[in-house]
Amino acid sequence: MCRLPVFFILLLITACGDAAQKIKERSDTASSKYSPETSTKPDGMAVFRKHCVVCHGADGKLGLNGAKDLTVSPRPKAARIEIITNGKNLMTPFGKILQPEEIEAVADYTLSLKSNPQ
């Protein structure tokens, strides 16, 4: 009598473990549309909306948690790449989260938000 519940518990654990692995594999491939093997440039707006909108807002002006207004920021592209990669103050560093090409695409997109683009 005692073996029956143990069997079902082990079966449940095994099934859940396999399902969790499959979900993780799907999310890993779906989480980033860009891979170094592809030749298409990442969509800076899509990456920005996924990772940056919470603090910067869709228009770049939200300013949550000290986020800068990207529409008036005087920073050139290289400085934006540096900050996106390494973070600054409360901003998360995305260097280990995003590919360099995705970071560059986000920097380009943030420049397009400026009132007077460079």
Protein backbone atom coordinates (compact mmCIF):
# COMPACT_ATOMS: atom_id res chain seq x y z
CA MET A 1 0.00 0.00 0.00
CA CYS A 2 2.82 2.37 0.79
CA ARG A 3 4.58 1.72 -2.54
CA LEU A 4 1.72 2.97 -4.68
CA PRO A 5 1.91 6.64 -3.59
CA VAL A 6 5.71 6.59 -3.83
CA PHE A 7 5.45 5.32 -7.41
CA PHE A 8 3.02 8.08 -8.35
CA ILE A 9 5.18 10.73 -6.67
CA LEU A 10 8.26 9.55 -8.59
CA LEU A 11 6.26 9.45 -11.81
CA LEU A 12 5.00 12.99 -11.20
CA ILE A 13 8.48 14.30 -10.42
CA THR A 14 9.89 12.70 -13.57
CA ALA A 15 7.06 14.01 -15.75
CA CYS A 16 7.33 17.52 -14.32
CA GLY A 17 11.09 17.56 -14.74
CA ASP A 18 10.81 16.61 -18.42
CA ALA A 19 8.06 19.19 -19.00
CA ALA A 20 10.06 21.91 -17.25
CA GLN A 21 13.11 21.13 -19.42
CA LYS A 22 11.02 21.31 -22.61
CA ILE A 23 9.50 24.63 -21.53
CA LYS A 24 12.96 26.01 -20.77
CA GLU A 25 14.27 24.89 -24.17
CA ARG A 26 11.32 26.55 -25.93
CA SER A 27 11.75 29.80 -23.99
CA ASP A 28 15.49 29.83 -24.67
CA THR A 29 14.91 29.68 -28.41
CA ALA A 30 11.95 32.05 -28.34
CA SER A 31 13.47 34.59 -25.96
CA SER A 32 15.88 35.97 -28.50
CA LYS A 33 15.02 36.15 -32.17
CA TYR A 34 18.62 37.01 -32.93
CA SER A 35 21.39 34.48 -32.96
CA PRO A 36 24.93 35.01 -34.22
CA GLU A 37 24.29 32.36 -36.90
CA THR A 38 21.51 34.42 -38.50
CA SER A 39 22.34 37.19 -40.89
CA THR A 40 19.42 39.47 -40.02
CA LYS A 41 19.98 42.43 -37.78
CA PRO A 42 18.11 42.33 -34.46
CA ASP A 43 15.05 44.53 -34.07
CA GLY A 44 16.14 47.28 -31.66
CA MET A 45 12.57 48.33 -30.94
CA ALA A 46 11.53 44.77 -30.04
CA VAL A 47 14.52 44.30 -27.73
CA PHE A 48 13.88 47.73 -26.17
CA ARG A 49 10.22 46.87 -25.56
CA LYS A 50 11.14 43.57 -23.98
CA HIS A 51 13.86 44.84 -21.64
CA CYS A 52 13.72 48.63 -21.31
CA VAL A 53 10.11 49.82 -21.42
CA VAL A 54 9.47 49.12 -17.74
CA CYS A 55 11.74 51.98 -16.66
CA HIS A 56 12.16 54.12 -19.80
CA GLY A 57 8.61 53.79 -21.16
CA ALA A 58 7.61 53.07 -24.75
CA ASP A 59 8.45 56.63 -25.76
CA GLY A 60 11.70 56.80 -23.73
CA LYS A 61 10.32 59.46 -21.34
CA LEU A 62 8.95 57.45 -18.37
CA GLY A 63 11.88 57.99 -15.99
CA LEU A 64 10.98 55.22 -13.52
CA ASN A 65 13.68 54.31 -10.97
CA GLY A 66 15.85 57.18 -12.12
CA ALA A 67 15.82 56.17 -15.80
CA LYS A 68 16.89 59.02 -18.06
CA ASP A 69 14.63 60.62 -20.64
CA LEU A 70 16.06 59.14 -23.82
CA THR A 71 14.41 61.77 -26.01
CA VAL A 72 16.68 64.50 -24.67
CA SER A 73 19.82 62.53 -23.78
CA PRO A 74 22.91 64.02 -25.43
CA ARG A 75 24.85 60.74 -25.24
CA PRO A 76 26.31 59.47 -28.54
CA LYS A 77 25.84 55.88 -29.67
CA ALA A 78 29.12 54.62 -28.16
CA ALA A 79 28.17 55.94 -24.71
CA ARG A 80 24.73 54.36 -24.99
CA ILE A 81 26.28 51.00 -25.88
CA GLU A 82 28.58 51.31 -22.85
CA ILE A 83 25.67 52.02 -20.49
CA ILE A 84 23.43 49.31 -21.96
CA THR A 85 26.28 46.81 -21.68
CA ASN A 86 27.56 47.69 -18.20
CA GLY A 87 24.60 49.45 -16.59
CA LYS A 88 24.73 52.67 -14.60
CA ASN A 89 23.33 53.55 -11.18
CA LEU A 90 20.15 51.43 -10.87
CA MET A 91 20.15 50.31 -14.51
CA THR A 92 20.72 46.62 -15.09
CA PRO A 93 23.82 45.73 -17.10
CA PHE A 94 22.66 43.85 -20.19
CA GLY A 95 26.09 42.68 -21.37
CA LYS A 96 25.42 39.12 -20.21
CA ILE A 97 21.74 39.15 -21.20
CA LEU A 98 21.88 40.49 -24.76
CA GLN A 99 24.17 39.79 -27.70
CA PRO A 100 26.44 42.70 -28.77
CA GLU A 101 24.38 43.08 -31.95
CA GLU A 102 21.19 43.40 -29.88
CA ILE A 103 22.82 46.04 -27.67
CA GLU A 104 23.88 48.02 -30.75
CA ALA A 105 20.35 47.74 -32.17
CA VAL A 106 18.88 49.07 -28.90
CA ALA A 107 21.38 51.96 -28.92
CA ASP A 108 20.33 52.80 -32.48
CA TYR A 109 16.68 52.63 -31.49
CA THR A 110 17.19 54.91 -28.49
CA LEU A 111 18.82 57.46 -30.78
CA SER A 112 15.70 57.37 -32.95
CA LEU A 113 13.65 58.42 -29.92
CA LYS A 114 15.51 61.72 -29.62
CA SER A 115 13.62 64.89 -30.37
CA ASN A 116 16.52 65.97 -32.56
CA PRO A 117 18.24 62.74 -33.75
CA GLN A 118 21.98 62.89 -34.34
